[in-house]
Amino acid sequence: RAENDRFRELIRGATPHSKYALQALAILS
């Protein structure tokens, strides 16, 4: 839960397409 909250804090304010790009990198990983 702490890891999830920490990442939410890191991407706070990120645009939808920034999140799509990060999601793509997560899928590849």
PDB file of all heavy atoms in Angstrom:
ATOM      1  N   ARG A   1       0.832  -1.201   0.000  1.00  0.00           N
ATOM      2  CA  ARG A   1       0.000   0.000   0.000  1.00  0.00           C
ATOM      3  C   ARG A   1       0.867   1.252   0.000  1.00  0.00           C
ATOM      4  O   ARG A   1       0.575   2.218  -0.702  1.00  0.00           O
ATOM      5  CB  ARG A   1      -0.912  -0.019   1.232  1.00  0.00           C
ATOM      6  CG  ARG A   1      -1.798   1.208   1.351  1.00  0.00           C
ATOM      7  CD  ARG A   1      -2.737   1.076   2.536  1.00  0.00           C
ATOM      8  NE  ARG A   1      -3.360   2.347   2.866  1.00  0.00           N
ATOM      9  CZ  ARG A   1      -4.133   2.549   3.907  1.00  0.00           C
ATOM     10  NH1 ARG A   1      -4.396   1.547   4.729  1.00  0.00           N
ATOM     11  NH2 ARG A   1      -4.658   3.737   4.155  1.00  0.00           N
ATOM     12  N   ALA A   2       1.968   1.235   0.776  1.00  0.00           N
ATOM     13  CA  ALA A   2       2.865   2.391   0.829  1.00  0.00           C
ATOM     14  C   ALA A   2       3.527   2.634  -0.523  1.00  0.00           C
ATOM     15  O   ALA A   2       3.697   3.788  -0.946  1.00  0.00           O
ATOM     16  CB  ALA A   2       3.922   2.177   1.908  1.00  0.00           C
ATOM     17  N   GLU A   3       3.916   1.563  -1.211  1.00  0.00           N
ATOM     18  CA  GLU A   3       4.530   1.705  -2.535  1.00  0.00           C
ATOM     19  C   GLU A   3       3.544   2.311  -3.522  1.00  0.00           C
ATOM     20  O   GLU A   3       3.895   3.178  -4.336  1.00  0.00           O
ATOM     21  CB  GLU A   3       5.014   0.339  -3.033  1.00  0.00           C
ATOM     22  CG  GLU A   3       6.257  -0.168  -2.317  1.00  0.00           C
ATOM     23  CD  GLU A   3       6.671  -1.548  -2.788  1.00  0.00           C
ATOM     24  OE1 GLU A   3       5.861  -2.211  -3.467  1.00  0.00           O
ATOM     25  OE2 GLU A   3       7.796  -1.956  -2.472  1.00  0.00           O
ATOM     26  N   ASN A   4       2.286   1.846  -3.454  1.00  0.00           N
ATOM     27  CA  ASN A   4       1.265   2.399  -4.342  1.00  0.00           C
ATOM     28  C   ASN A   4       1.054   3.882  -4.077  1.00  0.00           C
ATOM     29  O   ASN A   4       0.984   4.694  -5.009  1.00  0.00           O
ATOM     30  CB  ASN A   4      -0.061   1.655  -4.155  1.00  0.00           C
ATOM     31  CG  ASN A   4      -0.008   0.232  -4.675  1.00  0.00           C
ATOM     32  OD1 ASN A   4       0.911  -0.143  -5.400  1.00  0.00           O
ATOM     33  ND2 ASN A   4      -0.972  -0.579  -4.297  1.00  0.00           N
ATOM     34  N   ASP A   5       0.978   4.252  -2.792  1.00  0.00           N
ATOM     35  CA  ASP A   5       0.755   5.655  -2.437  1.00  0.00           C
ATOM     36  C   ASP A   5       1.939   6.523  -2.829  1.00  0.00           C
ATOM     37  O   ASP A   5       1.775   7.661  -3.271  1.00  0.00           O
ATOM     38  CB  ASP A   5       0.491   5.778  -0.937  1.00  0.00           C
ATOM     39  CG  ASP A   5      -0.908   5.323  -0.555  1.00  0.00           C
ATOM     40  OD1 ASP A   5      -1.677   4.970  -1.471  1.00  0.00           O
ATOM     41  OD2 ASP A   5      -1.223   5.313   0.642  1.00  0.00           O
ATOM     42  N   ARG A   6       3.140   5.981  -2.660  1.00  0.00           N
ATOM     43  CA  ARG A   6       4.348   6.734  -3.021  1.00  0.00           C
ATOM     44  C   ARG A   6       4.360   7.027  -4.518  1.00  0.00           C
ATOM     45  O   ARG A   6       4.684   8.138  -4.952  1.00  0.00           O
ATOM     46  CB  ARG A   6       5.602   5.958  -2.623  1.00  0.00           C
ATOM     47  CG  ARG A   6       6.899   6.669  -2.979  1.00  0.00           C
ATOM     48  CD  ARG A   6       8.112   5.865  -2.561  1.00  0.00           C
ATOM     49  NE  ARG A   6       9.321   6.508  -3.024  1.00  0.00           N
ATOM     50  CZ  ARG A   6       9.811   6.376  -4.252  1.00  0.00           C
ATOM     51  NH1 ARG A   6       9.193   5.610  -5.126  1.00  0.00           N
ATOM     52  NH2 ARG A   6      10.908   7.007  -4.608  1.00  0.00           N
ATOM     53  N   PHE A   7       4.002   6.023  -5.325  1.00  0.00           N
ATOM     54  CA  PHE A   7       3.997   6.246  -6.769  1.00  0.00           C
ATOM     55  C   PHE A   7       2.887   7.221  -7.167  1.00  0.00           C
ATOM     56  O   PHE A   7       3.081   8.059  -8.044  1.00  0.00           O
ATOM     57  CB  PHE A   7       3.829   4.920  -7.516  1.00  0.00           C
ATOM     58  CG  PHE A   7       3.832   5.083  -9.012  1.00  0.00           C
ATOM     59  CD1 PHE A   7       4.962   5.539  -9.665  1.00  0.00           C
ATOM     60  CD2 PHE A   7       2.694   4.824  -9.760  1.00  0.00           C
ATOM     61  CE1 PHE A   7       4.974   5.722 -11.040  1.00  0.00           C
ATOM     62  CE2 PHE A   7       2.695   4.992 -11.135  1.00  0.00           C
ATOM     63  CZ  PHE A   7       3.836   5.446 -11.768  1.00  0.00           C
ATOM     64  N   ARG A   8       1.737   7.124  -6.514  1.00  0.00           N
ATOM     65  CA  ARG A   8       0.670   8.095  -6.795  1.00  0.00           C
ATOM     66  C   ARG A   8       1.165   9.521  -6.531  1.00  0.00           C
ATOM     67  O   ARG A   8       0.854  10.446  -7.267  1.00  0.00           O
ATOM     68  CB  ARG A   8      -0.554   7.811  -5.909  1.00  0.00           C
ATOM     69  CG  ARG A   8      -1.364   6.597  -6.327  1.00  0.00           C
ATOM     70  CD  ARG A   8      -2.683   6.539  -5.576  1.00  0.00           C
ATOM     71  NE  ARG A   8      -3.378   5.311  -5.862  1.00  0.00           N
ATOM     72  CZ  ARG A   8      -3.319   4.214  -5.124  1.00  0.00           C
ATOM     73  NH1 ARG A   8      -2.564   4.214  -4.024  1.00  0.00           N
ATOM     74  NH2 ARG A   8      -3.981   3.127  -5.451  1.00  0.00           N
ATOM     75  N   GLU A   9       1.937   9.680  -5.457  1.00  0.00           N
ATOM     76  CA  GLU A   9       2.477  11.000  -5.129  1.00  0.00           C
ATOM     77  C   GLU A   9       3.462  11.463  -6.193  1.00  0.00           C
ATOM     78  O   GLU A   9       3.474  12.638  -6.586  1.00  0.00           O
ATOM     79  CB  GLU A   9       3.152  10.948  -3.759  1.00  0.00           C
ATOM     80  CG  GLU A   9       3.750  12.258  -3.292  1.00  0.00           C
ATOM     81  CD  GLU A   9       2.724  13.329  -3.001  1.00  0.00           C
ATOM     82  OE1 GLU A   9       1.539  12.983  -2.804  1.00  0.00           O
ATOM     83  OE2 GLU A   9       3.100  14.517  -2.988  1.00  0.00           O
ATOM     84  N   LEU A  10       4.281  10.544  -6.696  1.00  0.00           N
ATOM     85  CA  LEU A  10       5.265  10.893  -7.710  1.00  0.00           C
ATOM     86  C   LEU A  10       4.620  11.396  -8.994  1.00  0.00           C
ATOM     87  O   LEU A  10       5.126  12.300  -9.655  1.00  0.00           O
ATOM     88  CB  LEU A  10       6.152   9.682  -8.029  1.00  0.00           C
ATOM     89  CG  LEU A  10       7.328   9.402  -7.099  1.00  0.00           C
ATOM     90  CD1 LEU A  10       7.980   8.082  -7.486  1.00  0.00           C
ATOM     91  CD2 LEU A  10       8.350  10.522  -7.147  1.00  0.00           C
ATOM     92  N   ILE A  11       3.489  10.786  -9.357  1.00  0.00           N
ATOM     93  CA  ILE A  11       2.858  11.146 -10.638  1.00  0.00           C
ATOM     94  C   ILE A  11       1.703  12.119 -10.453  1.00  0.00           C
ATOM     95  O   ILE A  11       0.945  12.364 -11.380  1.00  0.00           O
ATOM     96  CB  ILE A  11       2.369   9.896 -11.404  1.00  0.00           C
ATOM     97  CG1 ILE A  11       1.288   9.166 -10.609  1.00  0.00           C
ATOM     98  CG2 ILE A  11       3.517   8.981 -11.756  1.00  0.00           C
ATOM     99  CD1 ILE A  11       0.545   8.108 -11.417  1.00  0.00           C
ATOM    100  N   ARG A  12       1.595  12.668  -9.247  1.00  0.00           N
ATOM    101  CA  ARG A  12       0.545  13.651  -9.006  1.00  0.00           C
ATOM    102  C   ARG A  12       0.700  14.801  -9.994  1.00  0.00           C
ATOM    103  O   ARG A  12       1.758  15.394 -10.116  1.00  0.00           O
ATOM    104  CB  ARG A  12       0.646  14.181  -7.567  1.00  0.00           C
ATOM    105  CG  ARG A  12      -0.430  15.196  -7.211  1.00  0.00           C
ATOM    106  CD  ARG A  12      -0.323  15.623  -5.769  1.00  0.00           C
ATOM    107  NE  ARG A  12       0.986  16.171  -5.430  1.00  0.00           N
ATOM    108  CZ  ARG A  12       1.202  16.924  -4.360  1.00  0.00           C
ATOM    109  NH1 ARG A  12       0.236  17.201  -3.537  1.00  0.00           N
ATOM    110  NH2 ARG A  12       2.414  17.386  -4.110  1.00  0.00           N
ATOM    111  N   GLY A  13      -0.355  15.103 -10.698  1.00  0.00           N
ATOM    112  CA  GLY A  13      -0.311  16.197 -11.658  1.00  0.00           C
ATOM    113  C   GLY A  13       0.149  15.788 -13.054  1.00  0.00           C
ATOM    114  O   GLY A  13       0.179  16.622 -13.961  1.00  0.00           O
ATOM    115  N   ALA A  14       0.530  14.515 -13.242  1.00  0.00           N
ATOM    116  CA  ALA A  14       0.968  14.057 -14.569  1.00  0.00           C
ATOM    117  C   ALA A  14      -0.213  14.056 -15.536  1.00  0.00           C
ATOM    118  O   ALA A  14      -1.351  13.762 -15.157  1.00  0.00           O
ATOM    119  CB  ALA A  14       1.574  12.661 -14.481  1.00  0.00           C
ATOM    120  N   THR A  15       0.050  14.376 -16.793  1.00  0.00           N
ATOM    121  CA  THR A  15      -1.004  14.382 -17.806  1.00  0.00           C
ATOM    122  C   THR A  15      -1.391  12.955 -18.171  1.00  0.00           C
ATOM    123  O   THR A  15      -0.626  12.011 -17.944  1.00  0.00           O
ATOM    124  CB  THR A  15      -0.532  15.102 -19.073  1.00  0.00           C
ATOM    125  OG1 THR A  15       0.547  14.346 -19.657  1.00  0.00           O
ATOM    126  CG2 THR A  15      -0.053  16.507 -18.762  1.00  0.00           C
ATOM    127  N   PRO A  16      -2.589  12.748 -18.759  1.00  0.00           N
ATOM    128  CA  PRO A  16      -2.989  11.395 -19.172  1.00  0.00           C
ATOM    129  C   PRO A  16      -1.956  10.730 -20.069  1.00  0.00           C
ATOM    130  O   PRO A  16      -1.649   9.543 -19.895  1.00  0.00           O
ATOM    131  CB  PRO A  16      -4.310  11.626 -19.905  1.00  0.00           C
ATOM    132  CG  PRO A  16      -4.879  12.847 -19.253  1.00  0.00           C
ATOM    133  CD  PRO A  16      -3.693  13.719 -18.946  1.00  0.00           C
ATOM    134  N   HIS A  17      -1.374  11.478 -21.011  1.00  0.00           N
ATOM    135  CA  HIS A  17      -0.429  10.843 -21.944  1.00  0.00           C
ATOM    136  C   HIS A  17       0.912  10.527 -21.270  1.00  0.00           C
ATOM    137  O   HIS A  17       1.600   9.585 -21.679  1.00  0.00           O
ATOM    138  CB  HIS A  17      -0.255  11.716 -23.185  1.00  0.00           C
ATOM    139  CG  HIS A  17      -1.411  11.614 -24.133  1.00  0.00           C
ATOM    140  ND1 HIS A  17      -1.499  10.633 -25.098  1.00  0.00           N
ATOM    141  CD2 HIS A  17      -2.550  12.335 -24.219  1.00  0.00           C
ATOM    142  CE1 HIS A  17      -2.637  10.771 -25.771  1.00  0.00           C
ATOM    143  NE2 HIS A  17      -3.291  11.798 -25.245  1.00  0.00           N
ATOM    144  N   SER A  18       1.286  11.283 -20.252  1.00  0.00           N
ATOM    145  CA  SER A  18       2.461  10.897 -19.461  1.00  0.00           C
ATOM    146  C   SER A  18       2.214   9.547 -18.803  1.00  0.00           C
ATOM    147  O   SER A  18       3.094   8.681 -18.762  1.00  0.00           O
ATOM    148  CB  SER A  18       2.750  11.950 -18.383  1.00  0.00           C
ATOM    149  OG  SER A  18       3.285  13.114 -18.938  1.00  0.00           O
ATOM    150  N   LYS A  19       1.005   9.370 -18.298  1.00  0.00           N
ATOM    151  CA  LYS A  19       0.643   8.109 -17.657  1.00  0.00           C
ATOM    152  C   LYS A  19       0.584   6.970 -18.673  1.00  0.00           C
ATOM    153  O   LYS A  19       0.987   5.844 -18.367  1.00  0.00           O
ATOM    154  CB  LYS A  19      -0.687   8.252 -16.925  1.00  0.00           C
ATOM    155  CG  LYS A  19      -0.622   9.232 -15.759  1.00  0.00           C
ATOM    156  CD  LYS A  19      -1.974   9.387 -15.077  1.00  0.00           C
ATOM    157  CE  LYS A  19      -1.897  10.387 -13.935  1.00  0.00           C
ATOM    158  NZ  LYS A  19      -3.205  10.574 -13.268  1.00  0.00           N
ATOM    159  N   TYR A  20       0.106   7.260 -19.879  1.00  0.00           N
ATOM    160  CA  TYR A  20       0.072   6.220 -20.913  1.00  0.00           C
ATOM    161  C   TYR A  20       1.495   5.771 -21.257  1.00  0.00           C
ATOM    162  O   TYR A  20       1.756   4.574 -21.451  1.00  0.00           O
ATOM    163  CB  TYR A  20      -0.618   6.735 -22.182  1.00  0.00           C
ATOM    164  CG  TYR A  20      -2.061   7.151 -22.009  1.00  0.00           C
ATOM    165  CD1 TYR A  20      -2.674   8.011 -22.925  1.00  0.00           C
ATOM    166  CD2 TYR A  20      -2.825   6.700 -20.936  1.00  0.00           C
ATOM    167  CE1 TYR A  20      -3.994   8.414 -22.777  1.00  0.00           C
ATOM    168  CE2 TYR A  20      -4.146   7.095 -20.780  1.00  0.00           C
ATOM    169  CZ  TYR A  20      -4.722   7.955 -21.701  1.00  0.00           C
ATOM    170  OH  TYR A  20      -6.034   8.345 -21.557  1.00  0.00           O
ATOM    171  N   ALA A  21       2.424   6.738 -21.330  1.00  0.00           N
ATOM    172  CA  ALA A  21       3.817   6.403 -21.658  1.00  0.00           C
ATOM    173  C   ALA A  21       4.440   5.559 -20.539  1.00  0.00           C
ATOM    174  O   ALA A  21       5.168   4.590 -20.809  1.00  0.00           O
ATOM    175  CB  ALA A  21       4.626   7.686 -21.886  1.00  0.00           C
ATOM    176  N   LEU A  22       4.158   5.918 -19.293  1.00  0.00           N
ATOM    177  CA  LEU A  22       4.673   5.131 -18.165  1.00  0.00           C
ATOM    178  C   LEU A  22       4.057   3.741 -18.140  1.00  0.00           C
ATOM    179  O   LEU A  22       4.731   2.752 -17.834  1.00  0.00           O
ATOM    180  CB  LEU A  22       4.376   5.856 -16.851  1.00  0.00           C
ATOM    181  CG  LEU A  22       5.205   7.100 -16.550  1.00  0.00           C
ATOM    182  CD1 LEU A  22       4.716   7.764 -15.271  1.00  0.00           C
ATOM    183  CD2 LEU A  22       6.685   6.761 -16.435  1.00  0.00           C
ATOM    184  N   GLN A  23       2.778   3.672 -18.469  1.00  0.00           N
ATOM    185  CA  GLN A  23       2.115   2.370 -18.522  1.00  0.00           C
ATOM    186  C   GLN A  23       2.755   1.488 -19.594  1.00  0.00           C
ATOM    187  O   GLN A  23       2.949   0.281 -19.388  1.00  0.00           O
ATOM    188  CB  GLN A  23       0.624   2.557 -18.802  1.00  0.00           C
ATOM    189  CG  GLN A  23      -0.201   1.284 -18.643  1.00  0.00           C
ATOM    190  CD  GLN A  23      -1.696   1.550 -18.801  1.00  0.00           C
ATOM    191  OE1 GLN A  23      -2.167   2.656 -18.524  1.00  0.00           O
ATOM    192  NE2 GLN A  23      -2.428   0.553 -19.254  1.00  0.00           N
ATOM    193  N   ALA A  24       3.100   2.088 -20.714  1.00  0.00           N
ATOM    194  CA  ALA A  24       3.757   1.344 -21.787  1.00  0.00           C
ATOM    195  C   ALA A  24       5.101   0.791 -21.314  1.00  0.00           C
ATOM    196  O   ALA A  24       5.438  -0.374 -21.577  1.00  0.00           O
ATOM    197  CB  ALA A  24       3.949   2.247 -23.004  1.00  0.00           C
ATOM    198  N   LEU A  25       5.866   1.613 -20.591  1.00  0.00           N
ATOM    199  CA  LEU A  25       7.166   1.175 -20.087  1.00  0.00           C
ATOM    200  C   LEU A  25       6.991   0.074 -19.032  1.00  0.00           C
ATOM    201  O   LEU A  25       7.784  -0.871 -18.977  1.00  0.00           O
ATOM    202  CB  LEU A  25       7.918   2.373 -19.496  1.00  0.00           C
ATOM    203  CG  LEU A  25       9.392   2.175 -19.154  1.00  0.00           C
ATOM    204  CD1 LEU A  25      10.180   1.568 -20.311  1.00  0.00           C
ATOM    205  CD2 LEU A  25      10.008   3.505 -18.731  1.00  0.00           C
ATOM    206  N   ALA A  26       5.939   0.166 -18.234  1.00  0.00           N
ATOM    207  CA  ALA A  26       5.663  -0.873 -17.232  1.00  0.00           C
ATOM    208  C   ALA A  26       5.297  -2.190 -17.911  1.00  0.00           C
ATOM    209  O   ALA A  26       5.747  -3.262 -17.494  1.00  0.00           O
ATOM    210  CB  ALA A  26       4.542  -0.417 -16.306  1.00  0.00           C
ATOM    211  N   ILE A  27       4.486  -2.110 -18.962  1.00  0.00           N
ATOM    212  CA  ILE A  27       4.094  -3.319 -19.700  1.00  0.00           C
ATOM    213  C   ILE A  27       5.318  -3.992 -20.311  1.00  0.00           C
ATOM    214  O   ILE A  27       5.491  -5.215 -20.218  1.00  0.00           O
ATOM    215  CB  ILE A  27       3.057  -2.963 -20.793  1.00  0.00           C
ATOM    216  CG1 ILE A  27       1.727  -2.554 -20.158  1.00  0.00           C
ATOM    217  CG2 ILE A  27       2.854  -4.139 -21.753  1.00  0.00           C
ATOM    218  CD1 ILE A  27       0.741  -1.939 -21.129  1.00  0.00           C
ATOM    219  N   LEU A  28       6.190  -3.194 -20.926  1.00  0.00           N
ATOM    220  CA  LEU A  28       7.422  -3.746 -21.504  1.00  0.00           C
ATOM    221  C   LEU A  28       8.286  -4.409 -20.438  1.00  0.00           C
ATOM    222  O   LEU A  28       8.846  -5.486 -20.653  1.00  0.00           O
ATOM    223  CB  LEU A  28       8.207  -2.630 -22.191  1.00  0.00           C
ATOM    224  CG  LEU A  28       7.730  -2.191 -23.575  1.00  0.00           C
ATOM    225  CD1 LEU A  28       8.432  -0.908 -23.997  1.00  0.00           C
ATOM    226  CD2 LEU A  28       7.992  -3.294 -24.609  1.00  0.00           C
ATOM    227  N   SER A  29       8.388  -3.771 -19.274  1.00  0.00           N
ATOM    228  CA  SER A  29       9.222  -4.300 -18.192  1.00  0.00           C
ATOM    229  C   SER A  29       8.668  -5.621 -17.667  1.00  0.00           C
ATOM    230  O   SER A  29       9.426  -6.551 -17.364  1.00  0.00           O
ATOM    231  CB  SER A  29       9.313  -3.287 -17.055  1.00  0.00           C
ATOM    232  OG  SER A  29       9.876  -2.071 -17.505  1.00  0.00           O
TER     233      SER A  29
END
